[in-house]
């Protein structure tokens, strides 16, 4: 594999001021698709791409991405979490968006070389990691509504801290009743760029109203809970831990799946675990009866984020006294402990880079 090392390395950011997605390492991985096949991945200095104004992705949004994380442990070893699942989901997204699939193993080997090259960029504080952003975009320079014949695949690395500015403090989310993010039969279960563009208006409305994010409802009836703009959603209702079922309009989150597997393997007291459709009427009824004990979001960026307030139809429902609940805390501690090597990985999720 060709590796071109930068002659102008950047100064490392202050690890106490990382935020999320604000800084990028010195190098990136790039791979080109043309004439019906992928070329070899290369590691090159991080730099802007030069693209023509007629490039397909700029006009028709044919683009997908993923999000994963790498961790550095106390003994100096480096690991990644469920990267095979990220590449599998990316190929599923590529299939839905009429984009070429790729062979994951050589890309993973190239990614590992990139991570080792950027080892000094990996932060080690609480809630910190090296975020991995694989991306694929249509790269053909032609106007016409059809799948591109040329693509660019690249992976960026970014040292990150907590996704939300308030860290692990419970977030406030607003139920979006006017707009929809995705519909069954659409692209909701693909991690494509358009889904996130469609979600921005809900996030903007929520922020303007004093909330952290919005909660999307189904496109057909505006009745059933789907997901938060940046996370899948869970509720603890009485003794049931429930998350909306994957019906085709919800992203099949890898952290969501991790939570479900942890709960099903280890259990948590006498709680049951469910994947089913959840209506806002049920959430309101559970809140009013005192059975809505907790809510939390799950995603690669935030890992587990407690939800303290849900705004719906002009009123705020305060959940768990606005504090992190025991199920949320258990899942956060367990999943992050597996990620960081402080708890045995009984699932085969963690892979050593170095």
Protein backbone atom coordinates (compact mmCIF):
# COMPACT_ATOMS: atom_id res chain seq x y z
CA UNK A 1 0.00 0.00 0.00
CA UNK A 2 1.28 3.43 -0.94
CA UNK A 3 1.78 5.77 2.04
CA UNK A 4 2.69 9.42 1.58
CA UNK A 5 3.69 11.06 4.86
CA UNK A 6 3.00 14.75 5.32
CA UNK A 7 5.93 17.15 5.56
CA UNK A 8 3.85 19.61 7.59
CA UNK A 9 2.33 17.82 10.62
CA UNK A 10 -0.24 19.82 12.55
CA UNK A 11 -0.10 20.75 16.21
CA UNK A 12 -2.27 18.45 18.34
CA UNK A 13 -5.36 20.08 19.84
CA UNK A 14 -5.88 20.61 23.56
CA UNK A 15 -7.49 17.34 24.68
CA UNK A 16 -9.72 19.21 27.14
CA UNK A 17 -11.33 21.17 24.29
CA UNK A 18 -11.94 18.50 21.67
CA UNK A 19 -15.70 18.62 21.29
CA UNK A 20 -16.86 16.47 18.40
CA UNK A 21 -15.65 16.53 14.79
CA UNK A 22 -13.64 19.74 15.03
CA UNK A 23 -10.11 18.43 14.46
CA UNK A 24 -8.62 16.03 11.90
CA UNK A 25 -5.41 14.04 11.88
CA UNK A 26 -2.50 14.58 9.48
CA UNK A 27 -3.44 11.79 7.07
CA UNK A 28 -6.45 10.12 5.46
CA UNK A 29 -7.17 7.00 3.45
CA UNK A 30 -8.36 7.32 -0.16
CA UNK A 31 -9.55 4.73 -2.69
CA UNK A 32 -10.98 5.28 -6.20
CA UNK A 33 -13.59 3.32 -8.17
CA UNK A 34 -13.68 3.51 -11.95
CA UNK A 35 -14.08 1.20 -14.94
CA UNK A 36 -16.05 -1.19 -12.78
CA UNK A 37 -13.47 -1.88 -10.06
CA UNK A 38 -11.85 -0.45 -6.96
CA UNK A 39 -8.23 0.64 -6.99
CA UNK A 40 -5.83 0.08 -4.11
CA UNK A 41 -6.29 2.16 -0.94
CA UNK A 42 -3.65 4.81 -0.29
CA UNK A 43 -2.71 6.87 2.75
CA UNK A 44 -2.12 10.51 1.88
CA UNK A 45 -1.81 13.81 3.77
CA UNK A 46 -5.15 15.28 4.85
CA UNK A 47 -6.05 17.89 2.24
CA UNK A 48 -9.07 19.22 0.31
CA UNK A 49 -10.32 17.32 -2.73
CA UNK A 50 -10.54 19.05 -6.08
CA UNK A 51 -13.88 18.27 -7.75
CA UNK A 52 -15.72 19.65 -10.74
CA UNK A 53 -18.93 21.69 -10.33
CA UNK A 54 -20.77 18.96 -12.28
CA UNK A 55 -19.69 16.13 -9.94
CA UNK A 56 -22.69 13.85 -9.32
CA UNK A 57 -22.70 13.99 -5.52
CA UNK A 58 -23.15 17.76 -5.60
CA UNK A 59 -26.34 17.43 -7.64
CA UNK A 60 -27.95 14.12 -6.68
CA UNK A 61 -26.61 13.42 -3.19
CA UNK A 62 -25.30 9.93 -3.96
CA UNK A 63 -23.19 9.56 -0.83
CA UNK A 64 -22.95 7.36 2.27
CA UNK A 65 -20.83 7.28 5.41
CA UNK A 66 -20.13 5.42 8.63
CA UNK A 67 -18.91 6.18 12.14
CA UNK A 68 -16.67 4.04 14.35
CA UNK A 69 -14.10 4.59 17.10
CA UNK A 70 -10.56 3.55 18.02
CA UNK A 71 -9.24 3.52 21.60
CA UNK A 72 -5.80 3.56 23.18
CA UNK A 73 -5.46 1.53 26.36
CA UNK A 74 -3.22 2.05 29.37
CA UNK A 75 -0.74 -0.55 28.10
CA UNK A 76 -0.34 1.33 24.81
CA UNK A 77 -2.37 -1.09 22.71
CA UNK A 78 -4.93 0.26 20.24
CA UNK A 79 -8.31 -1.30 19.51
CA UNK A 80 -11.38 -0.66 17.35
CA UNK A 81 -14.98 -1.49 18.21
CA UNK A 82 -17.20 -3.49 15.81
CA UNK A 83 -15.50 -2.14 12.67
CA UNK A 84 -16.58 -5.22 10.68
CA UNK A 85 -20.20 -4.33 11.41
CA UNK A 86 -19.60 -0.78 10.23
CA UNK A 87 -18.22 -1.98 6.91
CA UNK A 88 -21.07 -4.49 6.54
CA UNK A 89 -23.63 -1.73 7.12
CA UNK A 90 -21.79 0.55 4.72
CA UNK A 91 -22.02 -2.06 1.99
CA UNK A 92 -25.74 -2.41 2.74
CA UNK A 93 -26.09 1.36 2.36
CA UNK A 94 -24.11 1.21 -0.89
CA UNK A 95 -26.49 -1.42 -2.24
CA UNK A 96 -29.53 0.73 -1.45
CA UNK A 97 -27.95 3.83 -3.01
CA UNK A 98 -26.83 2.03 -6.21
CA UNK A 99 -23.17 2.43 -5.28
CA UNK A 100 -20.42 -0.19 -5.60
CA UNK A 101 -19.70 -2.45 -2.66
CA UNK A 102 -16.13 -3.01 -1.53
CA UNK A 103 -14.13 -5.84 -0.03
CA UNK A 104 -13.94 -5.00 3.65
CA UNK A 105 -10.82 -6.89 4.71
CA UNK A 106 -8.21 -4.98 2.64
CA UNK A 107 -9.88 -1.69 3.56
CA UNK A 108 -9.71 -2.66 7.23
CA UNK A 109 -6.01 -3.51 6.94
CA UNK A 110 -5.38 -0.14 5.33
CA UNK A 111 -7.40 1.58 8.06
CA UNK A 112 -5.29 -0.11 10.73
CA UNK A 113 -2.13 1.21 9.07
CA UNK A 114 -3.66 4.69 9.07
CA UNK A 115 -4.56 4.44 12.75
CA UNK A 116 -1.05 3.28 13.65
CA UNK A 117 0.42 6.18 11.69
CA UNK A 118 -1.82 8.58 13.65
CA UNK A 119 -1.38 6.90 17.04
CA UNK A 120 -0.33 10.11 18.77
CA UNK A 121 -3.68 11.68 17.87
CA UNK A 122 -5.71 9.21 19.96
CA UNK A 123 -6.99 10.94 23.13
CA UNK A 124 -7.35 8.88 26.31
CA UNK A 125 -9.52 10.96 28.63
CA UNK A 126 -13.01 10.12 29.80
CA UNK A 127 -15.46 10.02 26.91
CA UNK A 128 -12.63 10.48 24.39
CA UNK A 129 -11.62 8.37 21.38
CA UNK A 130 -10.39 8.58 17.81
CA UNK A 131 -13.47 8.84 15.63
CA UNK A 132 -13.35 7.01 12.29
CA UNK A 133 -15.43 8.39 9.40
CA UNK A 134 -15.50 6.17 6.26
CA UNK A 135 -17.25 7.96 3.40
CA UNK A 136 -18.15 7.18 -0.22
CA UNK A 137 -19.37 9.72 -2.79
CA UNK A 138 -20.31 9.68 -6.47
CA UNK A 139 -17.41 11.23 -8.37
CA UNK A 140 -18.49 11.21 -12.02
CA UNK A 141 -18.56 14.57 -13.78
CA UNK A 142 -21.80 14.40 -15.75
CA UNK A 143 -25.30 15.83 -15.37
CA UNK A 144 -28.05 13.26 -15.63
CA UNK A 145 -30.15 11.43 -13.06
CA UNK A 146 -28.48 8.04 -12.95
CA UNK A 147 -26.02 6.17 -10.78
CA UNK A 148 -22.47 7.40 -11.14
CA UNK A 149 -19.82 5.25 -12.81
CA UNK A 150 -17.02 6.66 -10.68
CA UNK A 151 -16.71 6.90 -6.88
CA UNK A 152 -14.33 8.16 -4.23
CA UNK A 153 -13.97 6.33 -0.91
CA UNK A 154 -12.10 7.97 1.94
CA UNK A 155 -11.61 7.64 5.68
CA UNK A 156 -11.00 10.59 8.00
CA UNK A 157 -9.83 10.35 11.61
CA UNK A 158 -10.82 12.86 14.27
CA UNK A 159 -9.92 13.01 17.98
CA UNK A 160 -13.19 13.55 19.83
CA UNK A 161 -14.69 14.03 23.27
CA UNK A 162 -18.33 13.86 24.37
CA UNK A 163 -20.81 14.39 21.52
CA UNK A 164 -23.08 16.67 23.54
CA UNK A 165 -21.59 19.72 25.22
CA UNK A 166 -23.17 18.73 28.53
CA UNK A 167 -21.37 15.38 28.51
CA UNK A 168 -23.38 12.74 30.35
CA UNK A 169 -25.96 15.16 31.70
CA UNK A 170 -29.47 14.22 30.52
CA UNK A 171 -30.48 15.78 27.22
CA UNK A 172 -33.74 17.48 26.26
CA UNK A 173 -35.44 16.25 23.09
CA UNK A 174 -38.43 17.68 21.25
CA UNK A 175 -40.87 15.48 19.35
CA UNK A 176 -41.11 16.68 15.74
CA UNK A 177 -44.76 16.68 14.65
CA UNK A 178 -44.66 18.64 11.39
CA UNK A 179 -41.82 17.17 9.33
CA UNK A 180 -40.65 13.59 8.77
CA UNK A 181 -37.17 12.19 8.35
CA UNK A 182 -37.80 8.98 6.38
CA UNK A 183 -40.53 6.59 5.34
CA UNK A 184 -40.80 2.84 4.95
CA UNK A 185 -39.49 1.97 1.51
CA UNK A 186 -37.27 5.07 1.50
CA UNK A 187 -33.66 5.40 2.58
CA UNK A 188 -34.15 5.57 6.35
CA UNK A 189 -32.26 2.37 7.08
CA UNK A 190 -29.30 3.43 4.90
CA UNK A 191 -26.65 5.71 6.36
CA UNK A 192 -26.87 8.10 3.43
CA UNK A 193 -26.23 11.81 3.41
CA UNK A 194 -29.75 12.78 2.40
CA UNK A 195 -31.24 11.33 5.58
CA UNK A 196 -29.18 13.73 7.65
CA UNK A 197 -30.00 16.70 5.44
CA UNK A 198 -33.68 15.84 5.91
CA UNK A 199 -33.22 15.77 9.68
CA UNK A 200 -31.61 19.20 9.99
CA UNK A 201 -34.85 21.16 10.09
CA UNK A 202 -36.04 19.17 13.09
CA UNK A 203 -32.75 19.72 14.88
CA UNK A 204 -32.87 23.46 14.11
CA UNK A 205 -36.43 23.76 15.42
CA UNK A 206 -35.54 21.83 18.57
CA UNK A 207 -32.46 23.94 19.26
CA UNK A 208 -34.40 27.17 18.72
CA UNK A 209 -36.94 25.96 21.30
CA UNK A 210 -34.24 25.18 23.87
CA UNK A 211 -33.81 21.44 23.28
CA UNK A 212 -30.72 19.42 22.35
CA UNK A 213 -32.23 17.29 19.57
CA UNK A 214 -35.50 16.22 18.02
CA UNK A 215 -37.35 12.90 18.12
CA UNK A 216 -38.77 11.75 14.80
CA UNK A 217 -42.12 10.05 14.32
CA UNK A 218 -43.20 7.71 11.52
CA UNK A 219 -44.01 9.27 8.16
CA UNK A 220 -47.40 7.61 7.70
CA UNK A 221 -49.35 8.27 10.88
CA UNK A 222 -47.05 10.68 12.80
CA UNK A 223 -47.77 8.40 15.73
CA UNK A 224 -44.94 5.94 16.25
CA UNK A 225 -41.52 6.82 17.65
CA UNK A 226 -38.61 6.23 15.26
CA UNK A 227 -35.27 7.75 16.28
CA UNK A 228 -33.48 10.89 17.44
CA UNK A 229 -31.55 12.88 14.84
CA UNK A 230 -28.22 11.45 15.96
CA UNK A 231 -29.21 8.36 17.96
CA UNK A 232 -31.55 5.43 18.29
CA UNK A 233 -33.93 5.75 21.23
CA UNK A 234 -34.82 3.49 24.19
CA UNK A 235 -37.48 3.75 26.88
CA UNK A 236 -37.78 2.03 30.25
CA UNK A 237 -41.49 1.51 30.88
CA UNK A 238 -42.21 -0.18 34.17
CA UNK A 239 -40.06 -3.34 33.91
CA UNK A 240 -39.66 -3.30 30.13
CA UNK A 241 -36.67 -1.87 28.24
CA UNK A 242 -38.01 -1.14 24.77
CA UNK A 243 -36.64 0.34 21.54
CA UNK A 244 -38.56 0.90 18.29
CA UNK A 245 -38.44 -2.09 15.95
CA UNK A 246 -36.44 -1.80 12.73
CA UNK A 247 -39.22 -1.45 10.17
CA UNK A 248 -37.16 -0.06 7.27
CA UNK A 249 -37.20 3.64 8.12
CA UNK A 250 -34.87 3.48 11.14
CA UNK A 251 -31.09 3.20 11.05
CA UNK A 252 -29.97 -0.21 12.40
CA UNK A 253 -27.61 1.28 14.96
CA UNK A 254 -24.53 -0.70 15.96
CA UNK A 255 -24.56 0.73 19.48
CA UNK A 256 -28.31 0.00 19.60
CA UNK A 257 -27.53 -3.62 18.78
CA UNK A 258 -24.73 -3.64 21.37
CA UNK A 259 -27.16 -2.51 24.07
CA UNK A 260 -29.67 -5.19 23.12
CA UNK A 261 -27.03 -7.92 23.10
CA UNK A 262 -25.61 -6.82 26.47
CA UNK A 263 -29.09 -6.79 28.02
CA UNK A 264 -30.03 -10.17 26.57
CA UNK A 265 -26.76 -11.85 27.56
CA UNK A 266 -26.23 -10.40 31.02
CA UNK A 267 -29.76 -9.28 31.87
CA UNK A 268 -30.54 -6.43 34.22
CA UNK A 269 -32.42 -7.32 37.37
CA UNK A 270 -35.89 -8.51 36.34
CA UNK A 271 -36.34 -6.31 33.27
CA UNK A 272 -37.53 -7.65 29.92
CA UNK A 273 -36.11 -6.38 26.61
CA UNK A 274 -38.30 -5.62 23.59
CA UNK A 275 -38.06 -4.38 20.01
CA UNK A 276 -41.51 -3.24 18.90
CA UNK A 277 -43.45 -0.26 17.65
CA UNK A 278 -43.86 2.40 20.34
CA UNK A 279 -46.45 5.16 19.99
CA UNK A 280 -46.28 8.58 21.58
CA UNK A 281 -49.69 7.84 23.08
CA UNK A 282 -48.06 4.94 24.96
CA UNK A 283 -45.18 7.16 26.11
CA UNK A 284 -47.58 9.83 27.38
CA UNK A 285 -49.74 7.25 29.16
CA UNK A 286 -46.65 5.67 30.75
CA UNK A 287 -45.46 9.10 31.88
CA UNK A 288 -48.82 10.03 33.38
CA UNK A 289 -49.10 6.73 35.23
CA UNK A 290 -45.54 6.97 36.59
CA UNK A 291 -44.35 3.96 34.60
CA UNK A 292 -41.96 5.85 32.30
CA UNK A 293 -38.82 5.42 34.37
CA UNK A 294 -36.03 6.25 31.90
CA UNK A 295 -35.18 7.14 28.33
CA UNK A 296 -31.81 7.17 26.60
CA UNK A 297 -30.26 7.37 23.16
CA UNK A 298 -27.56 5.16 21.68
CA UNK A 299 -25.08 5.86 18.90
CA UNK A 300 -21.40 5.68 18.02
CA UNK A 301 -20.87 9.39 18.63
CA UNK A 302 -22.63 9.67 21.99
CA UNK A 303 -22.43 5.95 22.96
CA UNK A 304 -25.25 6.19 25.55
CA UNK A 305 -26.93 9.52 26.28
CA UNK A 306 -29.59 9.85 29.01
CA UNK A 307 -32.75 11.74 28.09
CA UNK A 308 -34.15 13.89 30.88
CA UNK A 309 -36.94 15.75 29.11
CA UNK A 310 -39.23 14.94 26.18
CA UNK A 311 -41.19 17.87 24.81
CA UNK A 312 -44.49 16.93 23.16
CA UNK A 313 -47.61 18.91 22.28
CA UNK A 314 -46.58 21.98 24.24
CA UNK A 315 -45.49 20.35 27.49
CA UNK A 316 -42.31 18.85 28.87
CA UNK A 317 -42.27 15.38 30.36
CA UNK A 318 -39.54 15.22 33.02
CA UNK A 319 -38.16 11.70 33.08
CA UNK A 320 -36.56 10.15 36.15
CA UNK A 321 -36.38 13.50 37.89
CA UNK A 322 -34.07 14.70 35.09
CA UNK A 323 -31.32 12.35 36.25
CA UNK A 324 -29.58 9.38 34.67
CA UNK A 325 -31.41 6.16 35.48
CA UNK A 326 -29.97 2.83 36.59
CA UNK A 327 -30.50 1.04 33.26
CA UNK A 328 -28.88 3.90 31.33
CA UNK A 329 -25.94 4.00 33.72
CA UNK A 330 -25.52 0.22 33.57
CA UNK A 331 -25.44 0.18 29.77
CA UNK A 332 -23.08 3.14 29.51
CA UNK A 333 -20.67 1.61 32.01
CA UNK A 334 -20.85 -1.86 30.45
CA UNK A 335 -20.53 -0.87 26.79
CA UNK A 336 -17.73 1.63 27.39
CA UNK A 337 -15.90 -0.87 29.64
CA UNK A 338 -15.97 -3.43 26.81
CA UNK A 339 -14.79 -0.79 24.33
CA UNK A 340 -11.88 0.23 26.54
CA UNK A 341 -10.85 -3.25 27.64
CA UNK A 342 -11.94 -2.87 31.26
CA UNK A 343 -14.50 -5.66 30.93
CA UNK A 344 -14.10 -8.96 29.02
CA UNK A 345 -15.41 -8.88 25.46
CA UNK A 346 -17.74 -11.88 25.35
CA UNK A 347 -19.11 -10.87 21.95
CA UNK A 348 -16.03 -10.64 19.72
CA UNK A 349 -16.58 -6.92 19.16
CA UNK A 350 -13.12 -5.58 19.97
CA UNK A 351 -10.28 -5.97 17.50
CA UNK A 352 -6.65 -5.12 18.16
CA UNK A 353 -4.93 -2.67 15.81
CA UNK A 354 -1.61 -2.70 17.63
